[in-house]
Amino acid sequence: MSELMRNPRVMEKAQNEVQSILKGKPSVTEADVANLKYLKMIVKETHRLHPVLPLLIPRECQQTCQIMGYDVPQGSVIFINSWAIMRDPKHWDDAETFKPERFEDGEIDLKGTNYEFTPFGAGRRICPGLALAQASIEFMLATLLYHFDWELPNRAAPEELDMTEEMGITIRRKKDLYLLPTLRVPLTA
């Protein structure tokens, strides 16, 4: 939601997509979410810029090898900084900018096959909760965008939103996000 509040054009485009797919239905369903292509791009771009885990699960080097010209002895513990990789301008045009459209061609997935995009890890150690996490995030975001319009408190401008993050084992916003909802489509049971 933070990136959507910072990027009103993206928010509007996402809300328009949700409205056009749901066509006045009382609530969002899993089947609806499957058709929300732009919303899925937003979630991917959010994972790219704001991964929950900045460092992937450490791996032990099974044999001596070389990585990017560095000798890595057997038994070394390797940490992969996915946060830095997913913001690397060698892999991403305009790497620090929130641009969901970069995922438009659909070639980059969440399954760790593209090493420049590994918010859930890769290989045998990929997060076992990936499918559940992705489905939950997409469903919740679609529901929030369908039923409500959102604004920042005190009519703050989007560029005033503090996007500072707090690093640790996980990454989170340093300051909580407070938003004012306005009902758009009434909620039904």
N, C-alpha and C. Protein backbone atom coordinates (compact mmCIF):
# COMPACT_ATOMS: atom_id res chain seq x y z
N MET A 1 0.83 -1.20 0.00
CA MET A 1 0.00 0.00 0.00
C MET A 1 0.87 1.26 0.00
N SER A 2 2.03 1.19 0.64
CA SER A 2 2.91 2.36 0.69
C SER A 2 3.27 2.82 -0.72
N GLU A 3 3.69 1.88 -1.55
CA GLU A 3 4.09 2.26 -2.92
C GLU A 3 2.89 2.75 -3.73
N LEU A 4 1.72 2.20 -3.49
CA LEU A 4 0.53 2.68 -4.19
C LEU A 4 0.19 4.10 -3.77
N MET A 5 0.35 4.41 -2.50
CA MET A 5 0.08 5.76 -2.03
C MET A 5 1.11 6.75 -2.58
N ARG A 6 2.34 6.28 -2.78
CA ARG A 6 3.39 7.14 -3.35
C ARG A 6 3.22 7.33 -4.85
N ASN A 7 2.47 6.42 -5.48
CA ASN A 7 2.33 6.42 -6.93
C ASN A 7 0.84 6.38 -7.31
N PRO A 8 0.17 7.53 -7.22
CA PRO A 8 -1.28 7.57 -7.47
C PRO A 8 -1.68 7.04 -8.85
N ARG A 9 -0.84 7.22 -9.86
CA ARG A 9 -1.15 6.71 -11.20
C ARG A 9 -1.27 5.19 -11.18
N VAL A 10 -0.36 4.54 -10.46
CA VAL A 10 -0.38 3.08 -10.34
C VAL A 10 -1.62 2.64 -9.56
N MET A 11 -1.93 3.34 -8.48
CA MET A 11 -3.13 3.03 -7.68
C MET A 11 -4.38 3.12 -8.54
N GLU A 12 -4.50 4.20 -9.30
CA GLU A 12 -5.69 4.39 -10.14
C GLU A 12 -5.80 3.29 -11.20
N LYS A 13 -4.69 2.97 -11.81
CA LYS A 13 -4.69 1.91 -12.83
C LYS A 13 -5.09 0.56 -12.22
N ALA A 14 -4.59 0.27 -11.03
CA ALA A 14 -4.93 -0.98 -10.36
C ALA A 14 -6.41 -1.01 -9.97
N GLN A 15 -6.91 0.09 -9.44
CA GLN A 15 -8.33 0.14 -9.07
C GLN A 15 -9.22 0.01 -10.30
N ASN A 16 -8.83 0.63 -11.39
CA ASN A 16 -9.61 0.51 -12.63
C ASN A 16 -9.62 -0.94 -13.12
N GLU A 17 -8.48 -1.62 -13.03
CA GLU A 17 -8.42 -3.02 -13.44
C GLU A 17 -9.35 -3.87 -12.57
N VAL A 18 -9.29 -3.69 -11.26
CA VAL A 18 -10.13 -4.47 -10.35
C VAL A 18 -11.61 -4.20 -10.65
N GLN A 19 -11.97 -2.93 -10.83
CA GLN A 19 -13.37 -2.58 -11.13
C GLN A 19 -13.83 -3.22 -12.44
N SER A 20 -12.97 -3.20 -13.45
CA SER A 20 -13.37 -3.75 -14.76
C SER A 20 -13.51 -5.27 -14.73
N ILE A 21 -12.71 -5.94 -13.93
CA ILE A 21 -12.81 -7.41 -13.83
C ILE A 21 -14.01 -7.81 -12.98
N LEU A 22 -14.25 -7.10 -11.88
CA LEU A 22 -15.35 -7.49 -10.98
C LEU A 22 -16.72 -7.02 -11.45
N LYS A 23 -16.77 -5.95 -12.22
CA LYS A 23 -18.02 -5.46 -12.82
C LYS A 23 -19.19 -5.39 -11.83
N GLY A 24 -18.95 -4.81 -10.66
CA GLY A 24 -20.03 -4.60 -9.71
C GLY A 24 -20.38 -5.78 -8.82
N LYS A 25 -19.61 -6.86 -8.89
CA LYS A 25 -19.87 -8.01 -8.01
C LYS A 25 -19.75 -7.57 -6.55
N PRO A 26 -20.38 -8.31 -5.62
CA PRO A 26 -20.33 -7.89 -4.22
C PRO A 26 -18.97 -8.06 -3.54
N SER A 27 -18.15 -8.99 -4.02
CA SER A 27 -16.84 -9.19 -3.39
C SER A 27 -15.87 -9.87 -4.35
N VAL A 28 -14.61 -9.83 -3.99
CA VAL A 28 -13.53 -10.42 -4.79
C VAL A 28 -13.48 -11.92 -4.54
N THR A 29 -13.25 -12.70 -5.61
CA THR A 29 -13.05 -14.15 -5.47
C THR A 29 -11.67 -14.52 -6.00
N GLU A 30 -11.25 -15.74 -5.69
CA GLU A 30 -9.96 -16.23 -6.21
C GLU A 30 -9.94 -16.20 -7.73
N ALA A 31 -11.07 -16.54 -8.35
CA ALA A 31 -11.15 -16.55 -9.81
C ALA A 31 -10.93 -15.14 -10.37
N ASP A 32 -11.43 -14.13 -9.67
CA ASP A 32 -11.22 -12.75 -10.11
C ASP A 32 -9.74 -12.39 -10.05
N VAL A 33 -9.09 -12.77 -8.96
CA VAL A 33 -7.68 -12.42 -8.76
C VAL A 33 -6.82 -13.01 -9.87
N ALA A 34 -7.17 -14.18 -10.35
CA ALA A 34 -6.40 -14.82 -11.43
C ALA A 34 -6.34 -13.95 -12.68
N ASN A 35 -7.32 -13.07 -12.87
CA ASN A 35 -7.38 -12.21 -14.06
C ASN A 35 -6.80 -10.82 -13.85
N LEU A 36 -6.29 -10.54 -12.68
CA LEU A 36 -5.77 -9.21 -12.36
C LEU A 36 -4.28 -9.12 -12.69
N LYS A 37 -3.97 -8.97 -13.95
CA LYS A 37 -2.57 -8.97 -14.42
C LYS A 37 -1.76 -7.81 -13.85
N TYR A 38 -2.33 -6.60 -13.89
CA TYR A 38 -1.58 -5.44 -13.41
C TYR A 38 -1.35 -5.54 -11.90
N LEU A 39 -2.35 -5.98 -11.16
CA LEU A 39 -2.20 -6.15 -9.71
C LEU A 39 -1.06 -7.12 -9.41
N LYS A 40 -0.95 -8.20 -10.18
CA LYS A 40 0.14 -9.16 -9.98
C LYS A 40 1.50 -8.51 -10.25
N MET A 41 1.56 -7.62 -11.24
CA MET A 41 2.81 -6.90 -11.51
C MET A 41 3.16 -5.99 -10.34
N ILE A 42 2.16 -5.35 -9.75
CA ILE A 42 2.39 -4.48 -8.59
C ILE A 42 2.98 -5.28 -7.43
N VAL A 43 2.44 -6.46 -7.19
CA VAL A 43 2.94 -7.29 -6.09
C VAL A 43 4.38 -7.72 -6.36
N LYS A 44 4.68 -8.11 -7.59
CA LYS A 44 6.06 -8.49 -7.93
C LYS A 44 7.02 -7.31 -7.73
N GLU A 45 6.61 -6.14 -8.20
CA GLU A 45 7.48 -4.97 -8.07
C GLU A 45 7.67 -4.60 -6.60
N THR A 46 6.65 -4.78 -5.80
CA THR A 46 6.77 -4.53 -4.36
C THR A 46 7.75 -5.51 -3.73
N HIS A 47 7.66 -6.79 -4.12
CA HIS A 47 8.63 -7.78 -3.62
C HIS A 47 10.05 -7.42 -4.04
N ARG A 48 10.20 -6.88 -5.25
CA ARG A 48 11.53 -6.53 -5.74
C ARG A 48 12.13 -5.39 -4.92
N LEU A 49 11.38 -4.34 -4.70
CA LEU A 49 11.90 -3.18 -3.97
C LEU A 49 11.91 -3.36 -2.46
N HIS A 50 10.98 -4.15 -1.95
CA HIS A 50 10.84 -4.28 -0.49
C HIS A 50 10.71 -5.75 -0.09
N PRO A 51 11.75 -6.55 -0.32
CA PRO A 51 11.64 -7.95 0.07
C PRO A 51 11.55 -8.08 1.60
N VAL A 52 10.80 -9.05 2.04
CA VAL A 52 10.67 -9.25 3.49
C VAL A 52 12.02 -9.66 4.08
N LEU A 53 12.71 -10.58 3.40
CA LEU A 53 14.02 -11.04 3.86
C LEU A 53 15.11 -10.46 2.96
N PRO A 54 15.93 -9.54 3.48
CA PRO A 54 16.98 -8.95 2.65
C PRO A 54 18.09 -9.95 2.32
N LEU A 55 18.33 -10.88 3.23
CA LEU A 55 19.35 -11.91 3.02
C LEU A 55 18.66 -13.26 2.94
N LEU A 56 18.98 -14.02 1.89
CA LEU A 56 18.38 -15.35 1.77
C LEU A 56 19.01 -16.29 2.80
N ILE A 57 18.41 -17.44 2.99
CA ILE A 57 18.93 -18.43 3.94
C ILE A 57 20.37 -18.74 3.56
N PRO A 58 21.31 -18.70 4.53
CA PRO A 58 22.72 -18.95 4.21
C PRO A 58 22.94 -20.35 3.64
N ARG A 59 23.96 -20.45 2.83
CA ARG A 59 24.32 -21.75 2.23
C ARG A 59 25.79 -22.03 2.52
N GLU A 60 26.09 -23.30 2.69
CA GLU A 60 27.47 -23.70 2.94
C GLU A 60 28.07 -24.20 1.64
N CYS A 61 29.26 -23.72 1.33
CA CYS A 61 29.97 -24.12 0.12
C CYS A 61 30.46 -25.57 0.29
N GLN A 62 30.00 -26.46 -0.58
CA GLN A 62 30.32 -27.88 -0.47
C GLN A 62 31.72 -28.22 -0.98
N GLN A 63 32.23 -27.35 -1.84
CA GLN A 63 33.59 -27.55 -2.34
C GLN A 63 34.21 -26.19 -2.64
N THR A 64 35.51 -26.13 -2.69
CA THR A 64 36.19 -24.88 -3.01
C THR A 64 35.78 -24.47 -4.42
N CYS A 65 35.48 -23.19 -4.57
CA CYS A 65 35.06 -22.69 -5.89
C CYS A 65 35.43 -21.22 -6.01
N GLN A 66 35.12 -20.65 -7.16
CA GLN A 66 35.34 -19.23 -7.40
C GLN A 66 34.00 -18.59 -7.71
N ILE A 67 33.74 -17.46 -7.07
CA ILE A 67 32.53 -16.68 -7.34
C ILE A 67 32.97 -15.27 -7.69
N MET A 68 32.72 -14.87 -8.92
CA MET A 68 33.07 -13.54 -9.41
C MET A 68 34.54 -13.20 -9.14
N GLY A 69 35.42 -14.18 -9.35
CA GLY A 69 36.84 -13.97 -9.19
C GLY A 69 37.37 -14.14 -7.78
N TYR A 70 36.50 -14.42 -6.83
CA TYR A 70 36.92 -14.62 -5.44
C TYR A 70 37.00 -16.11 -5.14
N ASP A 71 38.10 -16.53 -4.49
CA ASP A 71 38.22 -17.93 -4.07
C ASP A 71 37.38 -18.13 -2.81
N VAL A 72 36.51 -19.13 -2.87
CA VAL A 72 35.63 -19.45 -1.74
C VAL A 72 35.97 -20.86 -1.28
N PRO A 73 36.58 -20.99 -0.09
CA PRO A 73 36.97 -22.31 0.39
C PRO A 73 35.77 -23.17 0.79
N GLN A 74 35.96 -24.46 0.68
CA GLN A 74 34.94 -25.41 1.12
C GLN A 74 34.59 -25.14 2.58
N GLY A 75 33.30 -25.23 2.91
CA GLY A 75 32.85 -24.99 4.28
C GLY A 75 32.48 -23.55 4.57
N SER A 76 32.78 -22.64 3.64
CA SER A 76 32.41 -21.23 3.85
C SER A 76 30.89 -21.09 3.86
N VAL A 77 30.40 -20.19 4.68
CA VAL A 77 28.97 -19.90 4.71
C VAL A 77 28.74 -18.67 3.83
N ILE A 78 27.84 -18.83 2.87
CA ILE A 78 27.56 -17.77 1.89
C ILE A 78 26.19 -17.16 2.18
N PHE A 79 26.15 -15.85 2.27
CA PHE A 79 24.89 -15.12 2.41
C PHE A 79 24.61 -14.42 1.09
N ILE A 80 23.40 -14.55 0.58
CA ILE A 80 23.02 -13.89 -0.67
C ILE A 80 22.16 -12.68 -0.32
N ASN A 81 22.64 -11.51 -0.71
CA ASN A 81 21.94 -10.26 -0.43
C ASN A 81 20.92 -10.01 -1.54
N SER A 82 19.74 -10.58 -1.39
CA SER A 82 18.72 -10.43 -2.43
C SER A 82 18.24 -8.98 -2.54
N TRP A 83 18.25 -8.25 -1.43
CA TRP A 83 17.84 -6.85 -1.46
C TRP A 83 18.71 -6.07 -2.45
N ALA A 84 20.03 -6.27 -2.37
CA ALA A 84 20.95 -5.55 -3.27
C ALA A 84 20.81 -6.03 -4.71
N ILE A 85 20.66 -7.33 -4.91
CA ILE A 85 20.53 -7.87 -6.26
C ILE A 85 19.28 -7.32 -6.93
N MET A 86 18.19 -7.24 -6.18
CA MET A 86 16.93 -6.79 -6.78
C MET A 86 16.87 -5.28 -6.98
N ARG A 87 17.91 -4.57 -6.55
CA ARG A 87 18.02 -3.13 -6.79
C ARG A 87 19.25 -2.79 -7.64
N ASP A 88 19.86 -3.80 -8.20
CA ASP A 88 21.10 -3.62 -8.96
C ASP A 88 20.80 -3.06 -10.35
N PRO A 89 21.34 -1.88 -10.68
CA PRO A 89 21.09 -1.28 -12.00
C PRO A 89 21.64 -2.11 -13.17
N LYS A 90 22.52 -3.09 -12.88
CA LYS A 90 22.98 -3.98 -13.95
C LYS A 90 21.85 -4.90 -14.42
N HIS A 91 20.90 -5.15 -13.53
CA HIS A 91 19.79 -6.05 -13.85
C HIS A 91 18.48 -5.32 -14.12
N TRP A 92 18.33 -4.11 -13.59
CA TRP A 92 17.05 -3.40 -13.65
C TRP A 92 17.25 -1.97 -14.13
N ASP A 93 16.52 -1.58 -15.16
CA ASP A 93 16.51 -0.19 -15.59
C ASP A 93 15.81 0.63 -14.51
N ASP A 94 16.37 1.78 -14.19
CA ASP A 94 15.77 2.67 -13.21
C ASP A 94 15.43 1.89 -11.93
N ALA A 95 16.44 1.21 -11.40
CA ALA A 95 16.28 0.20 -10.34
C ALA A 95 15.61 0.68 -9.07
N GLU A 96 15.74 1.95 -8.73
CA GLU A 96 15.18 2.46 -7.48
C GLU A 96 13.75 2.97 -7.63
N THR A 97 13.22 2.92 -8.85
CA THR A 97 11.88 3.44 -9.12
C THR A 97 10.85 2.32 -9.14
N PHE A 98 9.69 2.60 -8.56
CA PHE A 98 8.57 1.64 -8.53
C PHE A 98 7.88 1.66 -9.89
N LYS A 99 8.12 0.60 -10.69
CA LYS A 99 7.54 0.50 -12.03
C LYS A 99 7.00 -0.91 -12.26
N PRO A 100 5.75 -1.17 -11.91
CA PRO A 100 5.19 -2.51 -12.10
C PRO A 100 5.24 -2.98 -13.55
N GLU A 101 5.22 -2.05 -14.48
CA GLU A 101 5.23 -2.40 -15.91
C GLU A 101 6.47 -3.17 -16.33
N ARG A 102 7.52 -3.14 -15.53
CA ARG A 102 8.73 -3.88 -15.88
C ARG A 102 8.47 -5.39 -15.92
N PHE A 103 7.36 -5.84 -15.32
CA PHE A 103 7.01 -7.26 -15.33
C PHE A 103 5.95 -7.60 -16.37
N GLU A 104 5.68 -6.67 -17.26
CA GLU A 104 4.60 -6.82 -18.24
C GLU A 104 4.77 -8.03 -19.16
N ASP A 105 6.00 -8.32 -19.56
CA ASP A 105 6.20 -9.44 -20.50
C ASP A 105 6.00 -10.80 -19.85
N GLY A 106 5.94 -10.84 -18.52
CA GLY A 106 5.65 -12.09 -17.81
C GLY A 106 6.78 -13.10 -17.79
N GLU A 107 7.97 -12.71 -18.23
CA GLU A 107 9.09 -13.66 -18.30
C GLU A 107 9.73 -13.93 -16.94
N ILE A 108 9.64 -12.99 -16.02
CA ILE A 108 10.27 -13.16 -14.71
C ILE A 108 9.22 -13.63 -13.72
N ASP A 109 9.49 -14.79 -13.09
CA ASP A 109 8.54 -15.34 -12.13
C ASP A 109 9.10 -15.28 -10.71
N LEU A 110 8.32 -15.74 -9.76
CA LEU A 110 8.72 -15.71 -8.35
C LEU A 110 9.43 -16.97 -7.91
N LYS A 111 9.62 -17.92 -8.80
CA LYS A 111 10.11 -19.24 -8.41
C LYS A 111 11.63 -19.36 -8.33
N GLY A 112 12.33 -18.24 -8.47
CA GLY A 112 13.78 -18.27 -8.29
C GLY A 112 14.55 -18.70 -9.52
N THR A 113 13.89 -18.79 -10.68
CA THR A 113 14.61 -19.18 -11.89
C THR A 113 15.35 -18.00 -12.51
N ASN A 114 14.96 -16.79 -12.15
CA ASN A 114 15.65 -15.58 -12.59
C ASN A 114 16.38 -15.04 -11.37
N TYR A 115 17.69 -15.20 -11.34
CA TYR A 115 18.44 -14.88 -10.12
C TYR A 115 18.50 -13.40 -9.79
N GLU A 116 18.07 -12.54 -10.72
CA GLU A 116 18.00 -11.12 -10.39
C GLU A 116 16.72 -10.80 -9.61
N PHE A 117 15.83 -11.81 -9.47
CA PHE A 117 14.55 -11.61 -8.77
C PHE A 117 14.27 -12.84 -7.91
N THR A 118 14.71 -12.78 -6.65
CA THR A 118 14.56 -13.93 -5.75
C THR A 118 13.98 -13.52 -4.39
N PRO A 119 12.81 -12.90 -4.35
CA PRO A 119 12.28 -12.48 -3.06
C PRO A 119 11.92 -13.64 -2.13
N PHE A 120 11.73 -14.83 -2.70
CA PHE A 120 11.39 -16.00 -1.90
C PHE A 120 12.50 -17.05 -1.92
N GLY A 121 13.68 -16.68 -2.40
CA GLY A 121 14.77 -17.63 -2.49
C GLY A 121 14.75 -18.35 -3.83
N ALA A 122 15.54 -19.43 -3.91
CA ALA A 122 15.64 -20.17 -5.16
C ALA A 122 16.06 -21.61 -4.87
N GLY A 123 15.84 -22.45 -5.84
CA GLY A 123 16.30 -23.84 -5.73
C GLY A 123 15.58 -24.62 -4.65
N ARG A 124 16.29 -25.57 -4.07
CA ARG A 124 15.68 -26.44 -3.05
C ARG A 124 15.30 -25.69 -1.79
N ARG A 125 15.88 -24.53 -1.58
CA ARG A 125 15.59 -23.79 -0.35
C ARG A 125 14.61 -22.64 -0.57
N ILE A 126 13.87 -22.69 -1.67
CA ILE A 126 12.87 -21.66 -1.91
C ILE A 126 11.80 -21.74 -0.81
N CYS A 127 11.21 -20.64 -0.48
CA CYS A 127 10.22 -20.58 0.60
C CYS A 127 9.05 -21.52 0.30
N PRO A 128 8.76 -22.46 1.21
CA PRO A 128 7.65 -23.37 0.97
C PRO A 128 6.29 -22.68 1.03
N GLY A 129 6.24 -21.48 1.59
CA GLY A 129 4.98 -20.75 1.68
C GLY A 129 4.74 -19.79 0.54
N LEU A 130 5.57 -19.85 -0.51
CA LEU A 130 5.47 -18.90 -1.62
C LEU A 130 4.06 -18.82 -2.19
N ALA A 131 3.46 -19.93 -2.56
CA ALA A 131 2.14 -19.91 -3.20
C ALA A 131 1.08 -19.33 -2.27
N LEU A 132 1.12 -19.72 -1.01
CA LEU A 132 0.14 -19.21 -0.04
C LEU A 132 0.34 -17.71 0.18
N ALA A 133 1.59 -17.29 0.34
CA ALA A 133 1.88 -15.87 0.56
C ALA A 133 1.42 -15.04 -0.63
N GLN A 134 1.75 -15.49 -1.83
CA GLN A 134 1.39 -14.74 -3.03
C GLN A 134 -0.13 -14.64 -3.18
N ALA A 135 -0.82 -15.76 -3.02
CA ALA A 135 -2.28 -15.76 -3.15
C ALA A 135 -2.93 -14.86 -2.10
N SER A 136 -2.42 -14.90 -0.88
CA SER A 136 -2.98 -14.08 0.20
C SER A 136 -2.77 -12.60 -0.06
N ILE A 137 -1.57 -12.23 -0.48
CA ILE A 137 -1.26 -10.82 -0.74
C ILE A 137 -2.12 -10.30 -1.89
N GLU A 138 -2.18 -11.05 -2.99
CA GLU A 138 -2.96 -10.61 -4.15
C GLU A 138 -4.44 -10.47 -3.80
N PHE A 139 -4.98 -11.45 -3.08
CA PHE A 139 -6.40 -11.42 -2.71
C PHE A 139 -6.70 -10.22 -1.80
N MET A 140 -5.86 -10.02 -0.80
CA MET A 140 -6.08 -8.91 0.15
C MET A 140 -5.96 -7.56 -0.55
N LEU A 141 -4.95 -7.41 -1.40
CA LEU A 141 -4.77 -6.14 -2.11
C LEU A 141 -5.95 -5.88 -3.04
N ALA A 142 -6.40 -6.88 -3.77
CA ALA A 142 -7.56 -6.72 -4.66
C ALA A 142 -8.79 -6.30 -3.85
N THR A 143 -8.98 -6.91 -2.69
CA THR A 143 -10.13 -6.58 -1.84
C THR A 143 -10.05 -5.13 -1.35
N LEU A 144 -8.87 -4.72 -0.89
CA LEU A 144 -8.69 -3.35 -0.41
C LEU A 144 -8.92 -2.32 -1.52
N LEU A 145 -8.44 -2.62 -2.72
CA LEU A 145 -8.59 -1.68 -3.84
C LEU A 145 -10.01 -1.66 -4.38
N TYR A 146 -10.71 -2.77 -4.30
CA TYR A 146 -12.08 -2.85 -4.82
C TYR A 146 -13.07 -2.14 -3.90
N HIS A 147 -12.94 -2.35 -2.62
CA HIS A 147 -13.94 -1.84 -1.68
C HIS A 147 -13.67 -0.43 -1.16
N PHE A 148 -12.44 0.07 -1.31
CA PHE A 148 -12.12 1.36 -0.71
C PHE A 148 -11.28 2.24 -1.63
N ASP A 149 -11.45 3.55 -1.46
CA ASP A 149 -10.50 4.54 -1.94
C ASP A 149 -9.65 4.88 -0.72
N TRP A 150 -8.41 5.29 -0.96
CA TRP A 150 -7.48 5.51 0.14
C TRP A 150 -6.84 6.88 0.04
N GLU A 151 -6.58 7.49 1.18
CA GLU A 151 -5.81 8.74 1.19
C GLU A 151 -4.95 8.81 2.44
N LEU A 152 -3.91 9.61 2.34
CA LEU A 152 -3.02 9.83 3.47
C LEU A 152 -3.67 10.79 4.45
N PRO A 153 -3.39 10.66 5.75
CA PRO A 153 -3.95 11.59 6.74
C PRO A 153 -3.50 13.03 6.46
N ASN A 154 -4.32 13.97 6.89
CA ASN A 154 -4.02 15.40 6.77
C ASN A 154 -3.78 15.84 5.33
N ARG A 155 -4.36 15.11 4.40
CA ARG A 155 -4.23 15.43 2.97
C ARG A 155 -2.77 15.57 2.53
N ALA A 156 -1.91 14.76 3.13
CA ALA A 156 -0.48 14.79 2.79
C ALA A 156 -0.29 14.43 1.32
N ALA A 157 0.70 15.02 0.71
CA ALA A 157 1.03 14.72 -0.68
C ALA A 157 1.77 13.39 -0.75
N PRO A 158 1.63 12.64 -1.85
CA PRO A 158 2.30 11.33 -1.97
C PRO A 158 3.80 11.38 -1.71
N GLU A 159 4.45 12.43 -2.19
CA GLU A 159 5.91 12.52 -2.03
C GLU A 159 6.32 12.79 -0.58
N GLU A 160 5.38 13.15 0.28
CA GLU A 160 5.68 13.38 1.70
C GLU A 160 5.71 12.07 2.50
N LEU A 161 5.25 10.98 1.91
CA LEU A 161 5.21 9.70 2.62
C LEU A 161 6.63 9.21 2.90
N ASP A 162 6.94 8.99 4.16
CA ASP A 162 8.27 8.53 4.57
C ASP A 162 8.39 7.04 4.26
N MET A 163 9.28 6.69 3.35
CA MET A 163 9.46 5.30 2.93
C MET A 163 10.66 4.64 3.60
N THR A 164 11.19 5.25 4.65
CA THR A 164 12.35 4.71 5.35
C THR A 164 12.05 3.31 5.87
N GLU A 165 13.02 2.42 5.68
CA GLU A 165 12.87 1.04 6.13
C GLU A 165 13.81 0.76 7.29
N GLU A 166 13.44 -0.22 8.08
CA GLU A 166 14.24 -0.67 9.21
C GLU A 166 14.78 -2.05 8.86
N MET A 167 16.10 -2.17 8.85
CA MET A 167 16.74 -3.44 8.50
C MET A 167 16.95 -4.30 9.73
N GLY A 168 16.83 -5.57 9.54
CA GLY A 168 17.07 -6.57 10.57
C GLY A 168 17.04 -7.91 9.87
N ILE A 169 16.59 -8.94 10.56
CA ILE A 169 16.41 -10.23 9.88
C ILE A 169 15.38 -10.06 8.78
N THR A 170 14.38 -9.23 9.06
CA THR A 170 13.39 -8.86 8.04
C THR A 170 13.48 -7.36 7.82
N ILE A 171 12.82 -6.89 6.77
CA ILE A 171 12.75 -5.45 6.50
C ILE A 171 11.31 -5.02 6.72
N ARG A 172 11.15 -3.88 7.37
CA ARG A 172 9.81 -3.34 7.55
C ARG A 172 9.88 -1.83 7.49
N ARG A 173 8.72 -1.21 7.35
CA ARG A 173 8.67 0.25 7.39
C ARG A 173 9.15 0.73 8.76
N LYS A 174 9.91 1.80 8.77
CA LYS A 174 10.36 2.35 10.05
C LYS A 174 9.18 2.98 10.80
N LYS A 175 8.31 3.67 10.04
CA LYS A 175 7.11 4.28 10.64
C LYS A 175 5.90 3.57 10.06
N ASP A 176 4.95 3.25 10.92
CA ASP A 176 3.73 2.58 10.46
C ASP A 176 3.00 3.43 9.43
N LEU A 177 2.30 2.77 8.55
CA LEU A 177 1.52 3.45 7.51
C LEU A 177 0.09 3.61 8.02
N TYR A 178 -0.38 4.84 8.06
CA TYR A 178 -1.76 5.12 8.43
C TYR A 178 -2.46 5.69 7.21
N LEU A 179 -3.63 5.13 6.90
CA LEU A 179 -4.40 5.57 5.74
C LEU A 179 -5.85 5.78 6.14
N LEU A 180 -6.53 6.62 5.38
CA LEU A 180 -7.95 6.87 5.60
C LEU A 180 -8.74 6.21 4.47
N PRO A 181 -9.57 5.22 4.80
CA PRO A 181 -10.37 4.57 3.77
C PRO A 181 -11.71 5.28 3.56
N THR A 182 -12.17 5.28 2.33
CA THR A 182 -13.51 5.74 1.99
C THR A 182 -14.18 4.59 1.26
N LEU A 183 -15.34 4.19 1.74
CA LEU A 183 -16.03 3.05 1.15
C LEU A 183 -16.38 3.32 -0.30
N ARG A 184 -16.07 2.38 -1.14
CA ARG A 184 -16.31 2.49 -2.58
C ARG A 184 -17.41 1.50 -2.98
N VAL A 185 -17.24 0.24 -2.61
CA VAL A 185 -18.21 -0.82 -2.88
C VAL A 185 -18.53 -1.45 -1.53
N PRO A 186 -19.80 -1.43 -1.11
CA PRO A 186 -20.15 -1.97 0.21
C PRO A 186 -19.70 -3.42 0.38
N LEU A 187 -19.22 -3.72 1.57
CA LEU A 187 -18.78 -5.08 1.91
C LEU A 187 -20.01 -5.95 2.17
N THR A 188 -19.96 -7.19 1.69
CA THR A 188 -21.05 -8.13 1.95
C THR A 188 -20.47 -9.39 2.57
N ALA A 189 -21.31 -10.10 3.29
CA ALA A 189 -20.85 -11.33 3.95
C ALA A 189 -20.73 -12.47 2.97
